[in-house]
Amino acid sequence: MMKDTRSTDTELKAEKTALVVIDMQKGIVNRQHAPHTSEQVVLNASRLVQAFTEKGAFVVLVRVSTVDGRDMLRPRTDATTNPVPFPDGWDAFVPELEHFDQVHVITKRQWGAFYGTDLDLQLRRRGIDTIVLCGISTGIGVDTTAREAFQRGYDQIFVEDAMTASTEEEHEYVCTHIFPRIGRIRTSEEVVGLLSHP
C-alpha cells in the first residue's frame, strides 16, 4: 500500500515549477474520453494555466502536429488503429487556452513532449526542477512525457482531474501503477493551493 504524502506537501515555488499541458487541441479534445469528460479536463486545465500565469510560472502548451502525415510513425503492431482524419484546424488549441499569450508553445511529432523538441532545454535554462503535468490522453501523451521527464530527473506532479483517456481502464491503470512510482498525483485544487508567489 502506498503512503499518502499529501499532508507533507510543501509549497510549489513558481520560479522552479512549470505547468506542461499536453495536446489540448480541438481534434483531440472533441472525442469520447473517460473517466473525466473533455469539458471537465479543459475547465481544470484552463484554471491551472490561469493560476500559473498569474504567479509568473513557466507554462508550456504542447501540441502534436504533422507537416504532411509523412512524419508520423508507422510501426507494425498487433493493435489495429483506424486512420485519424486531419480536418482543417484539428491541431489548434481549444478556445479556452487560445487567449493565454504568456506561454511557451511546443510542437511535437511523437507521443512524448521531450523527444525532438526544446522542452528540456527551456526548462533547464530557467532552473526549473518540477513539472506539473496534465492533458489528453493519460495513457499516451501524458504518460510518455512523464516517463521522459522521470528519466531526465524532474520532480513531477500529475493532475488527475485535468487529464483523461480513451477509456477509464487506461486512465486508472496509469494513475494507479505508473504515476505513483515517478511522481505525485494531486487534484487541480490541491495544485493551485500549493503554488506560491516567486
N, C-alpha and C. Protein backbone atom coordinates (compact mmCIF):
# COMPACT_ATOMS: atom_id res chain seq x y z
N MET A 1 0.85 -1.19 0.00
CA MET A 1 0.00 0.00 0.00
C MET A 1 0.88 1.24 0.00
N MET A 2 0.53 2.22 -0.84
CA MET A 2 1.34 3.42 -0.96
C MET A 2 0.97 4.42 0.12
N LYS A 3 1.98 5.09 0.64
CA LYS A 3 1.77 6.09 1.68
C LYS A 3 1.25 7.38 1.05
N ASP A 4 0.22 7.97 1.67
CA ASP A 4 -0.32 9.24 1.19
C ASP A 4 0.55 10.37 1.75
N THR A 5 1.19 11.12 0.86
CA THR A 5 2.11 12.17 1.29
C THR A 5 1.51 13.56 1.20
N ARG A 6 0.19 13.66 0.99
CA ARG A 6 -0.43 14.99 0.83
C ARG A 6 -0.18 15.88 2.03
N SER A 7 -0.21 15.30 3.24
CA SER A 7 -0.04 16.11 4.45
C SER A 7 1.37 16.66 4.58
N THR A 8 2.32 16.08 3.86
CA THR A 8 3.70 16.55 3.95
C THR A 8 4.11 17.39 2.73
N ASP A 9 3.16 17.69 1.83
CA ASP A 9 3.46 18.52 0.67
C ASP A 9 3.93 19.90 1.13
N THR A 10 4.92 20.39 0.45
CA THR A 10 5.34 21.76 0.67
C THR A 10 4.87 22.59 -0.52
N GLU A 11 4.98 23.89 -0.39
CA GLU A 11 4.50 24.76 -1.46
C GLU A 11 5.31 24.55 -2.74
N LEU A 12 4.68 24.85 -3.85
CA LEU A 12 5.36 24.84 -5.13
C LEU A 12 5.90 26.23 -5.39
N LYS A 13 7.19 26.33 -5.62
CA LYS A 13 7.79 27.63 -5.92
C LYS A 13 7.59 27.93 -7.40
N ALA A 14 6.92 29.03 -7.69
CA ALA A 14 6.56 29.36 -9.06
C ALA A 14 7.77 29.45 -9.97
N GLU A 15 8.89 29.96 -9.45
CA GLU A 15 10.07 30.13 -10.30
C GLU A 15 10.81 28.83 -10.58
N LYS A 16 10.45 27.77 -9.85
CA LYS A 16 11.11 26.47 -10.04
C LYS A 16 10.18 25.42 -10.63
N THR A 17 8.95 25.83 -10.95
CA THR A 17 7.92 24.88 -11.39
C THR A 17 7.35 25.28 -12.74
N ALA A 18 7.14 24.30 -13.60
CA ALA A 18 6.50 24.54 -14.89
C ALA A 18 5.23 23.73 -15.00
N LEU A 19 4.21 24.34 -15.59
CA LEU A 19 2.99 23.62 -15.94
C LEU A 19 3.12 23.20 -17.39
N VAL A 20 2.98 21.90 -17.66
CA VAL A 20 3.06 21.38 -19.02
C VAL A 20 1.73 20.74 -19.36
N VAL A 21 1.06 21.30 -20.38
CA VAL A 21 -0.28 20.86 -20.77
C VAL A 21 -0.17 20.15 -22.11
N ILE A 22 -0.61 18.90 -22.14
CA ILE A 22 -0.43 18.04 -23.31
C ILE A 22 -1.67 17.99 -24.21
N ASP A 23 -1.48 18.36 -25.47
CA ASP A 23 -2.41 18.08 -26.58
C ASP A 23 -3.86 18.51 -26.36
N MET A 24 -4.04 19.70 -25.81
CA MET A 24 -5.40 20.22 -25.62
C MET A 24 -5.84 20.92 -26.91
N GLN A 25 -6.03 20.11 -27.93
CA GLN A 25 -6.34 20.60 -29.27
C GLN A 25 -7.74 20.17 -29.69
N LYS A 26 -8.33 20.93 -30.59
CA LYS A 26 -9.72 20.69 -30.99
C LYS A 26 -9.94 19.27 -31.49
N GLY A 27 -9.03 18.77 -32.33
CA GLY A 27 -9.22 17.46 -32.90
C GLY A 27 -9.00 16.31 -31.94
N ILE A 28 -8.40 16.60 -30.78
CA ILE A 28 -8.16 15.57 -29.76
C ILE A 28 -9.19 15.68 -28.65
N VAL A 29 -9.46 16.89 -28.22
CA VAL A 29 -10.43 17.11 -27.14
C VAL A 29 -11.82 16.69 -27.57
N ASN A 30 -12.17 16.93 -28.82
CA ASN A 30 -13.53 16.65 -29.30
C ASN A 30 -13.74 15.18 -29.66
N ARG A 31 -13.33 14.31 -28.74
CA ARG A 31 -13.55 12.88 -28.88
C ARG A 31 -14.13 12.36 -27.58
N GLN A 32 -14.49 11.10 -27.55
CA GLN A 32 -15.04 10.50 -26.34
C GLN A 32 -13.91 10.16 -25.38
N HIS A 33 -14.03 10.58 -24.11
CA HIS A 33 -13.00 10.33 -23.10
C HIS A 33 -13.62 9.84 -21.80
N ALA A 34 -12.77 9.21 -20.97
CA ALA A 34 -13.20 8.72 -19.66
C ALA A 34 -11.96 8.60 -18.76
N PRO A 35 -12.09 8.72 -17.47
CA PRO A 35 -13.31 8.88 -16.71
C PRO A 35 -13.82 10.33 -16.66
N HIS A 36 -12.95 11.28 -16.97
CA HIS A 36 -13.36 12.69 -16.97
C HIS A 36 -13.76 13.09 -18.38
N THR A 37 -14.76 13.93 -18.49
CA THR A 37 -15.17 14.41 -19.80
C THR A 37 -14.17 15.44 -20.30
N SER A 38 -14.20 15.67 -21.60
CA SER A 38 -13.34 16.69 -22.18
C SER A 38 -13.61 18.05 -21.55
N GLU A 39 -14.88 18.34 -21.30
CA GLU A 39 -15.26 19.63 -20.71
C GLU A 39 -14.63 19.81 -19.33
N GLN A 40 -14.65 18.76 -18.52
CA GLN A 40 -14.05 18.83 -17.18
C GLN A 40 -12.55 19.07 -17.26
N VAL A 41 -11.90 18.35 -18.16
CA VAL A 41 -10.45 18.46 -18.29
C VAL A 41 -10.06 19.85 -18.80
N VAL A 42 -10.78 20.35 -19.79
CA VAL A 42 -10.49 21.68 -20.33
C VAL A 42 -10.68 22.73 -19.24
N LEU A 43 -11.75 22.62 -18.47
CA LEU A 43 -12.01 23.58 -17.40
C LEU A 43 -10.89 23.57 -16.37
N ASN A 44 -10.49 22.39 -15.91
CA ASN A 44 -9.44 22.30 -14.89
C ASN A 44 -8.09 22.71 -15.43
N ALA A 45 -7.79 22.35 -16.67
CA ALA A 45 -6.51 22.75 -17.27
C ALA A 45 -6.44 24.26 -17.45
N SER A 46 -7.52 24.88 -17.88
CA SER A 46 -7.50 26.33 -18.08
C SER A 46 -7.39 27.06 -16.74
N ARG A 47 -7.97 26.50 -15.69
CA ARG A 47 -7.80 27.09 -14.35
C ARG A 47 -6.34 27.01 -13.91
N LEU A 48 -5.70 25.89 -14.21
CA LEU A 48 -4.28 25.75 -13.87
C LEU A 48 -3.43 26.75 -14.64
N VAL A 49 -3.69 26.88 -15.95
CA VAL A 49 -2.93 27.85 -16.75
C VAL A 49 -3.11 29.25 -16.20
N GLN A 50 -4.34 29.60 -15.84
CA GLN A 50 -4.62 30.92 -15.27
C GLN A 50 -3.83 31.13 -13.98
N ALA A 51 -3.87 30.15 -13.09
CA ALA A 51 -3.19 30.27 -11.80
C ALA A 51 -1.68 30.36 -11.97
N PHE A 52 -1.11 29.52 -12.82
CA PHE A 52 0.33 29.53 -13.04
C PHE A 52 0.77 30.82 -13.73
N THR A 53 -0.02 31.29 -14.67
CA THR A 53 0.31 32.54 -15.36
C THR A 53 0.29 33.71 -14.38
N GLU A 54 -0.71 33.76 -13.52
CA GLU A 54 -0.82 34.85 -12.54
C GLU A 54 0.36 34.86 -11.58
N LYS A 55 0.91 33.68 -11.28
CA LYS A 55 2.04 33.60 -10.37
C LYS A 55 3.39 33.78 -11.08
N GLY A 56 3.36 33.96 -12.39
CA GLY A 56 4.60 34.16 -13.14
C GLY A 56 5.37 32.88 -13.40
N ALA A 57 4.71 31.73 -13.27
CA ALA A 57 5.38 30.45 -13.52
C ALA A 57 5.44 30.18 -15.02
N PHE A 58 6.35 29.31 -15.41
CA PHE A 58 6.54 28.94 -16.81
C PHE A 58 5.44 27.97 -17.21
N VAL A 59 4.70 28.31 -18.26
CA VAL A 59 3.61 27.48 -18.75
C VAL A 59 3.93 27.03 -20.17
N VAL A 60 3.82 25.74 -20.41
CA VAL A 60 4.11 25.17 -21.73
C VAL A 60 2.85 24.49 -22.26
N LEU A 61 2.40 24.95 -23.42
CA LEU A 61 1.32 24.28 -24.12
C LEU A 61 1.94 23.42 -25.21
N VAL A 62 1.69 22.12 -25.15
CA VAL A 62 2.27 21.18 -26.11
C VAL A 62 1.18 20.78 -27.10
N ARG A 63 1.53 20.82 -28.36
CA ARG A 63 0.59 20.38 -29.40
C ARG A 63 1.29 19.35 -30.27
N VAL A 64 0.51 18.41 -30.76
CA VAL A 64 1.04 17.44 -31.71
C VAL A 64 0.55 17.86 -33.09
N SER A 65 1.43 17.78 -34.06
CA SER A 65 1.05 18.17 -35.41
C SER A 65 1.86 17.38 -36.40
N THR A 66 1.48 17.47 -37.65
CA THR A 66 2.19 16.78 -38.71
C THR A 66 2.24 17.70 -39.93
N VAL A 67 3.35 17.68 -40.61
CA VAL A 67 3.50 18.54 -41.78
C VAL A 67 2.61 18.04 -42.91
N ASP A 68 2.79 16.78 -43.28
CA ASP A 68 2.01 16.21 -44.38
C ASP A 68 1.59 14.77 -44.10
N GLY A 69 1.73 14.35 -42.83
CA GLY A 69 1.39 12.99 -42.46
C GLY A 69 2.54 12.01 -42.61
N ARG A 70 3.58 12.42 -43.35
CA ARG A 70 4.69 11.50 -43.59
C ARG A 70 5.68 11.43 -42.43
N ASP A 71 5.58 12.37 -41.49
CA ASP A 71 6.47 12.33 -40.33
C ASP A 71 5.88 11.52 -39.18
N MET A 72 4.75 10.86 -39.41
CA MET A 72 4.15 10.02 -38.39
C MET A 72 4.80 8.64 -38.38
N LEU A 73 4.88 8.05 -37.19
CA LEU A 73 5.43 6.71 -37.06
C LEU A 73 4.43 5.69 -37.58
N ARG A 74 4.95 4.66 -38.23
CA ARG A 74 4.08 3.61 -38.77
C ARG A 74 4.68 2.22 -38.53
N PRO A 75 4.91 1.86 -37.26
CA PRO A 75 5.46 0.53 -37.00
C PRO A 75 4.40 -0.55 -37.21
N ARG A 76 4.84 -1.77 -37.39
CA ARG A 76 3.91 -2.89 -37.45
C ARG A 76 3.50 -3.23 -36.02
N THR A 77 2.21 -3.28 -35.76
CA THR A 77 1.72 -3.51 -34.40
C THR A 77 0.64 -4.58 -34.40
N ASP A 78 0.38 -5.13 -33.21
CA ASP A 78 -0.71 -6.09 -33.05
C ASP A 78 -2.06 -5.39 -33.04
N ALA A 79 -2.09 -4.20 -32.47
CA ALA A 79 -3.36 -3.47 -32.39
C ALA A 79 -3.61 -2.75 -33.71
N THR A 80 -4.81 -2.92 -34.21
CA THR A 80 -5.17 -2.20 -35.43
C THR A 80 -5.74 -0.85 -35.04
N THR A 81 -5.35 0.17 -35.76
CA THR A 81 -5.85 1.51 -35.49
C THR A 81 -6.49 2.07 -36.74
N ASN A 82 -7.57 2.78 -36.53
CA ASN A 82 -8.23 3.43 -37.64
C ASN A 82 -7.50 4.71 -37.98
N PRO A 83 -7.33 5.01 -39.26
CA PRO A 83 -6.69 6.27 -39.63
C PRO A 83 -7.44 7.45 -39.04
N VAL A 84 -6.70 8.38 -38.46
CA VAL A 84 -7.31 9.55 -37.85
C VAL A 84 -7.39 10.66 -38.89
N PRO A 85 -8.59 11.19 -39.13
CA PRO A 85 -8.70 12.29 -40.09
C PRO A 85 -8.08 13.56 -39.55
N PHE A 86 -7.53 14.36 -40.42
CA PHE A 86 -6.92 15.63 -40.02
C PHE A 86 -7.64 16.78 -40.73
N PRO A 87 -8.85 17.12 -40.29
CA PRO A 87 -9.55 18.24 -40.91
C PRO A 87 -8.86 19.56 -40.58
N ASP A 88 -9.13 20.57 -41.38
CA ASP A 88 -8.53 21.88 -41.13
C ASP A 88 -8.83 22.33 -39.70
N GLY A 89 -7.79 22.81 -39.03
CA GLY A 89 -7.95 23.34 -37.67
C GLY A 89 -7.94 22.32 -36.57
N TRP A 90 -7.72 21.03 -36.90
CA TRP A 90 -7.77 19.99 -35.88
C TRP A 90 -6.70 20.18 -34.81
N ASP A 91 -5.54 20.77 -35.19
CA ASP A 91 -4.43 20.88 -34.24
C ASP A 91 -4.39 22.22 -33.52
N ALA A 92 -5.40 23.06 -33.70
CA ALA A 92 -5.47 24.33 -32.96
C ALA A 92 -5.84 24.05 -31.51
N PHE A 93 -5.31 24.87 -30.60
CA PHE A 93 -5.67 24.72 -29.19
C PHE A 93 -7.15 25.04 -28.99
N VAL A 94 -7.73 24.45 -27.97
CA VAL A 94 -9.13 24.74 -27.65
C VAL A 94 -9.26 26.22 -27.30
N PRO A 95 -10.42 26.82 -27.55
CA PRO A 95 -10.59 28.26 -27.33
C PRO A 95 -10.26 28.71 -25.91
N GLU A 96 -10.48 27.84 -24.93
CA GLU A 96 -10.21 28.21 -23.53
C GLU A 96 -8.74 28.49 -23.26
N LEU A 97 -7.85 28.00 -24.14
CA LEU A 97 -6.41 28.21 -23.94
C LEU A 97 -5.81 29.19 -24.93
N GLU A 98 -6.57 29.56 -25.95
CA GLU A 98 -6.03 30.42 -27.01
C GLU A 98 -5.67 31.82 -26.55
N HIS A 99 -6.37 32.34 -25.53
CA HIS A 99 -6.15 33.73 -25.14
C HIS A 99 -4.95 33.93 -24.22
N PHE A 100 -4.31 32.85 -23.78
CA PHE A 100 -3.12 32.98 -22.94
C PHE A 100 -1.91 33.23 -23.84
N ASP A 101 -1.31 34.42 -23.73
CA ASP A 101 -0.18 34.73 -24.61
C ASP A 101 1.17 34.61 -23.90
N GLN A 102 1.19 34.52 -22.59
CA GLN A 102 2.44 34.38 -21.85
C GLN A 102 2.76 32.90 -21.62
N VAL A 103 2.76 32.14 -22.71
CA VAL A 103 3.05 30.71 -22.63
C VAL A 103 4.06 30.34 -23.71
N HIS A 104 4.74 29.24 -23.48
CA HIS A 104 5.68 28.71 -24.47
C HIS A 104 4.98 27.56 -25.18
N VAL A 105 4.95 27.61 -26.50
CA VAL A 105 4.28 26.57 -27.28
C VAL A 105 5.31 25.64 -27.90
N ILE A 106 5.08 24.35 -27.72
CA ILE A 106 5.96 23.33 -28.29
C ILE A 106 5.14 22.46 -29.23
N THR A 107 5.69 22.20 -30.40
CA THR A 107 5.06 21.29 -31.35
C THR A 107 5.87 20.01 -31.39
N LYS A 108 5.21 18.90 -31.11
CA LYS A 108 5.87 17.60 -31.12
C LYS A 108 5.35 16.76 -32.28
N ARG A 109 6.15 15.78 -32.65
CA ARG A 109 5.76 14.86 -33.73
C ARG A 109 5.56 13.44 -33.22
N GLN A 110 5.88 13.21 -31.95
CA GLN A 110 5.76 11.88 -31.35
C GLN A 110 4.80 11.95 -30.18
N TRP A 111 4.69 10.87 -29.42
CA TRP A 111 3.81 10.87 -28.26
C TRP A 111 4.33 11.79 -27.16
N GLY A 112 5.63 11.74 -26.89
CA GLY A 112 6.20 12.49 -25.78
C GLY A 112 6.61 13.90 -26.16
N ALA A 113 6.57 14.81 -25.17
CA ALA A 113 6.88 16.22 -25.42
C ALA A 113 8.36 16.55 -25.39
N PHE A 114 9.21 15.59 -24.98
CA PHE A 114 10.64 15.86 -24.90
C PHE A 114 11.37 15.48 -26.19
N TYR A 115 10.97 14.39 -26.80
CA TYR A 115 11.70 13.88 -27.96
C TYR A 115 11.60 14.84 -29.13
N GLY A 116 12.77 15.30 -29.61
CA GLY A 116 12.82 16.15 -30.79
C GLY A 116 12.33 17.58 -30.58
N THR A 117 12.20 18.02 -29.32
CA THR A 117 11.76 19.39 -29.03
C THR A 117 12.78 20.07 -28.13
N ASP A 118 12.54 21.35 -27.85
CA ASP A 118 13.45 22.09 -26.96
C ASP A 118 12.90 22.17 -25.53
N LEU A 119 11.97 21.30 -25.15
CA LEU A 119 11.36 21.37 -23.82
C LEU A 119 12.39 21.28 -22.70
N ASP A 120 13.23 20.27 -22.74
CA ASP A 120 14.24 20.10 -21.69
C ASP A 120 15.17 21.32 -21.62
N LEU A 121 15.57 21.81 -22.76
CA LEU A 121 16.44 22.99 -22.82
C LEU A 121 15.78 24.20 -22.17
N GLN A 122 14.53 24.46 -22.51
CA GLN A 122 13.83 25.62 -21.98
C GLN A 122 13.61 25.51 -20.47
N LEU A 123 13.32 24.31 -19.99
CA LEU A 123 13.15 24.11 -18.55
C LEU A 123 14.45 24.34 -17.80
N ARG A 124 15.55 23.77 -18.30
CA ARG A 124 16.83 23.89 -17.61
C ARG A 124 17.37 25.31 -17.64
N ARG A 125 17.14 26.03 -18.72
CA ARG A 125 17.59 27.42 -18.80
C ARG A 125 16.93 28.28 -17.73
N ARG A 126 15.75 27.89 -17.32
CA ARG A 126 15.01 28.64 -16.31
C ARG A 126 15.20 28.08 -14.90
N GLY A 127 16.02 27.06 -14.76
CA GLY A 127 16.28 26.49 -13.45
C GLY A 127 15.09 25.73 -12.87
N ILE A 128 14.24 25.21 -13.74
CA ILE A 128 13.03 24.51 -13.28
C ILE A 128 13.37 23.06 -12.94
N ASP A 129 12.89 22.63 -11.78
CA ASP A 129 13.15 21.24 -11.36
C ASP A 129 11.87 20.43 -11.14
N THR A 130 10.71 21.09 -11.24
CA THR A 130 9.44 20.41 -11.00
C THR A 130 8.48 20.68 -12.15
N ILE A 131 7.83 19.62 -12.62
CA ILE A 131 6.85 19.73 -13.70
C ILE A 131 5.48 19.31 -13.17
N VAL A 132 4.49 20.15 -13.41
CA VAL A 132 3.10 19.80 -13.16
C VAL A 132 2.51 19.43 -14.51
N LEU A 133 2.00 18.21 -14.63
CA LEU A 133 1.63 17.66 -15.93
C LEU A 133 0.14 17.33 -15.99
N CYS A 134 -0.47 17.69 -17.14
CA CYS A 134 -1.87 17.35 -17.36
C CYS A 134 -2.13 17.31 -18.87
N GLY A 135 -3.35 16.94 -19.27
CA GLY A 135 -3.69 16.93 -20.69
C GLY A 135 -4.36 15.65 -21.14
N ILE A 136 -4.37 15.46 -22.44
CA ILE A 136 -5.01 14.30 -23.07
C ILE A 136 -4.02 13.68 -24.06
N SER A 137 -3.82 12.37 -24.01
CA SER A 137 -4.53 11.49 -23.10
C SER A 137 -3.58 10.91 -22.06
N THR A 138 -4.19 10.48 -20.96
CA THR A 138 -3.42 10.00 -19.81
C THR A 138 -2.40 8.93 -20.21
N GLY A 139 -2.85 7.94 -20.99
CA GLY A 139 -2.01 6.78 -21.28
C GLY A 139 -1.10 6.93 -22.48
N ILE A 140 -1.17 8.05 -23.18
CA ILE A 140 -0.33 8.22 -24.37
C ILE A 140 0.57 9.45 -24.20
N GLY A 141 0.07 10.62 -24.54
CA GLY A 141 0.92 11.82 -24.48
C GLY A 141 1.38 12.18 -23.09
N VAL A 142 0.48 12.07 -22.10
CA VAL A 142 0.86 12.43 -20.73
C VAL A 142 1.82 11.39 -20.16
N ASP A 143 1.49 10.12 -20.30
CA ASP A 143 2.34 9.06 -19.77
C ASP A 143 3.73 9.06 -20.41
N THR A 144 3.80 9.19 -21.73
CA THR A 144 5.10 9.18 -22.40
C THR A 144 5.94 10.37 -21.97
N THR A 145 5.33 11.55 -21.88
CA THR A 145 6.06 12.74 -21.42
C THR A 145 6.52 12.56 -19.98
N ALA A 146 5.68 11.95 -19.15
CA ALA A 146 6.04 11.72 -17.75
C ALA A 146 7.26 10.81 -17.63
N ARG A 147 7.30 9.76 -18.42
CA ARG A 147 8.45 8.84 -18.36
C ARG A 147 9.72 9.53 -18.86
N GLU A 148 9.58 10.36 -19.90
CA GLU A 148 10.74 11.11 -20.40
C GLU A 148 11.25 12.08 -19.35
N ALA A 149 10.33 12.74 -18.64
CA ALA A 149 10.73 13.69 -17.59
C ALA A 149 11.39 12.96 -16.42
N PHE A 150 10.85 11.80 -16.07
CA PHE A 150 11.43 10.99 -15.00
C PHE A 150 12.86 10.61 -15.32
N GLN A 151 13.11 10.20 -16.56
CA GLN A 151 14.46 9.80 -16.96
C GLN A 151 15.43 10.99 -16.97
N ARG A 152 14.90 12.19 -17.03
CA ARG A 152 15.74 13.39 -17.00
C ARG A 152 15.86 13.99 -15.61
N GLY A 153 15.26 13.35 -14.61
CA GLY A 153 15.47 13.75 -13.22
C GLY A 153 14.53 14.81 -12.68
N TYR A 154 13.43 15.10 -13.35
CA TYR A 154 12.50 16.10 -12.85
C TYR A 154 11.57 15.52 -11.79
N ASP A 155 11.24 16.34 -10.78
CA ASP A 155 10.14 16.02 -9.88
C ASP A 155 8.85 16.29 -10.66
N GLN A 156 7.81 15.50 -10.38
CA GLN A 156 6.58 15.66 -11.14
C GLN A 156 5.34 15.57 -10.26
N ILE A 157 4.34 16.35 -10.64
CA ILE A 157 3.02 16.26 -10.05
C ILE A 157 2.04 16.03 -11.20
N PHE A 158 1.22 15.02 -11.07
CA PHE A 158 0.24 14.68 -12.10
C PHE A 158 -1.14 15.12 -11.62
N VAL A 159 -1.81 15.95 -12.43
CA VAL A 159 -3.10 16.50 -12.03
C VAL A 159 -4.20 15.59 -12.56
N GLU A 160 -4.67 14.70 -11.68
CA GLU A 160 -5.56 13.62 -12.10
C GLU A 160 -6.87 14.10 -12.72
N ASP A 161 -7.44 15.19 -12.21
CA ASP A 161 -8.71 15.66 -12.75
C ASP A 161 -8.55 16.64 -13.92
N ALA A 162 -7.31 16.82 -14.37
CA ALA A 162 -7.05 17.64 -15.56
C ALA A 162 -6.43 16.79 -16.66
N MET A 163 -6.72 15.50 -16.60
CA MET A 163 -6.30 14.58 -17.66
C MET A 163 -7.37 13.50 -17.81
N THR A 164 -7.38 12.86 -18.96
CA THR A 164 -8.34 11.79 -19.20
C THR A 164 -7.84 10.94 -20.35
N ALA A 165 -8.53 9.83 -20.62
CA ALA A 165 -8.05 8.88 -21.63
C ALA A 165 -9.22 8.41 -22.50
N SER A 166 -8.91 7.52 -23.42
CA SER A 166 -9.97 6.98 -24.27
C SER A 166 -10.87 6.02 -23.51
N THR A 167 -10.32 5.40 -22.45
CA THR A 167 -11.14 4.54 -21.59
C THR A 167 -10.79 4.79 -20.13
N GLU A 168 -11.73 4.50 -19.25
CA GLU A 168 -11.47 4.65 -17.82
C GLU A 168 -10.37 3.68 -17.37
N GLU A 169 -10.35 2.47 -17.95
CA GLU A 169 -9.35 1.47 -17.56
C GLU A 169 -7.94 1.95 -17.84
N GLU A 170 -7.75 2.58 -18.99
CA GLU A 170 -6.43 3.10 -19.35
C GLU A 170 -5.99 4.18 -18.37
N HIS A 171 -6.87 5.11 -18.08
CA HIS A 171 -6.58 6.20 -17.15
C HIS A 171 -6.23 5.65 -15.76
N GLU A 172 -7.07 4.75 -15.28
CA GLU A 172 -6.88 4.22 -13.93
C GLU A 172 -5.59 3.41 -13.82
N TYR A 173 -5.26 2.66 -14.86
CA TYR A 173 -4.03 1.87 -14.81
C TYR A 173 -2.81 2.77 -14.64
N VAL A 174 -2.72 3.80 -15.47
CA VAL A 174 -1.56 4.70 -15.41
C VAL A 174 -1.51 5.43 -14.07
N CYS A 175 -2.66 5.91 -13.60
CA CYS A 175 -2.70 6.66 -12.34
C CYS A 175 -2.45 5.77 -11.13
N THR A 176 -2.74 4.49 -11.26
CA THR A 176 -2.57 3.57 -10.14
C THR A 176 -1.19 2.91 -10.12
N HIS A 177 -0.68 2.56 -11.29
CA HIS A 177 0.53 1.74 -11.35
C HIS A 177 1.79 2.46 -11.85
N ILE A 178 1.64 3.54 -12.59
CA ILE A 178 2.81 4.20 -13.17
C ILE A 178 3.12 5.52 -12.46
N PHE A 179 2.17 6.43 -12.43
CA PHE A 179 2.44 7.76 -11.89
C PHE A 179 2.91 7.78 -10.44
N PRO A 180 2.35 6.95 -9.54
CA PRO A 180 2.83 6.99 -8.15
C PRO A 180 4.29 6.58 -8.00
N ARG A 181 4.85 5.90 -8.99
CA ARG A 181 6.24 5.46 -8.92
C ARG A 181 7.22 6.50 -9.44
N ILE A 182 6.69 7.51 -10.14
CA ILE A 182 7.59 8.52 -10.72
C ILE A 182 7.21 9.95 -10.33
N GLY A 183 6.22 10.09 -9.47
CA GLY A 183 5.81 11.43 -9.04
C GLY A 183 4.67 11.38 -8.06
N ARG A 184 3.96 12.50 -7.93
CA ARG A 184 2.83 12.61 -7.02
C ARG A 184 1.57 12.90 -7.82
N ILE A 185 0.45 12.35 -7.36
CA ILE A 185 -0.83 12.59 -8.01
C ILE A 185 -1.65 13.52 -7.11
N ARG A 186 -2.14 14.59 -7.71
CA ARG A 186 -2.92 15.57 -6.97
C ARG A 186 -4.10 16.04 -7.82
N THR A 187 -5.02 16.76 -7.19
CA THR A 187 -6.13 17.38 -7.92
C THR A 187 -5.72 18.79 -8.33
N SER A 188 -6.49 19.37 -9.24
CA SER A 188 -6.19 20.74 -9.66
C SER A 188 -6.32 21.71 -8.50
N GLU A 189 -7.29 21.48 -7.63
CA GLU A 189 -7.46 22.34 -6.47
C GLU A 189 -6.26 22.26 -5.54
N GLU A 190 -5.74 21.06 -5.33
CA GLU A 190 -4.56 20.90 -4.47
C GLU A 190 -3.35 21.59 -5.08
N VAL A 191 -3.17 21.48 -6.37
CA VAL A 191 -2.01 22.10 -7.02
C VAL A 191 -2.06 23.62 -6.92
N VAL A 192 -3.23 24.19 -7.17
CA VAL A 192 -3.36 25.65 -7.06
C VAL A 192 -3.06 26.09 -5.63
N GLY A 193 -3.49 25.30 -4.66
CA GLY A 193 -3.23 25.62 -3.27
C GLY A 193 -1.76 25.56 -2.91
N LEU A 194 -1.00 24.71 -3.59
CA LEU A 194 0.44 24.58 -3.30
C LEU A 194 1.29 25.63 -3.99
N LEU A 195 0.74 26.26 -5.02
CA LEU A 195 1.53 27.19 -5.82
C LEU A 195 1.75 28.49 -5.05
N SER A 196 3.00 28.90 -4.98
CA SER A 196 3.34 30.12 -4.22
C SER A 196 3.82 31.21 -5.14
N HIS A 197 3.92 32.42 -4.63
CA HIS A 197 4.49 33.53 -5.38
C HIS A 197 5.99 33.33 -5.51
N PRO A 198 6.59 33.81 -6.61
CA PRO A 198 8.05 33.72 -6.75
C PRO A 198 8.74 34.61 -5.73
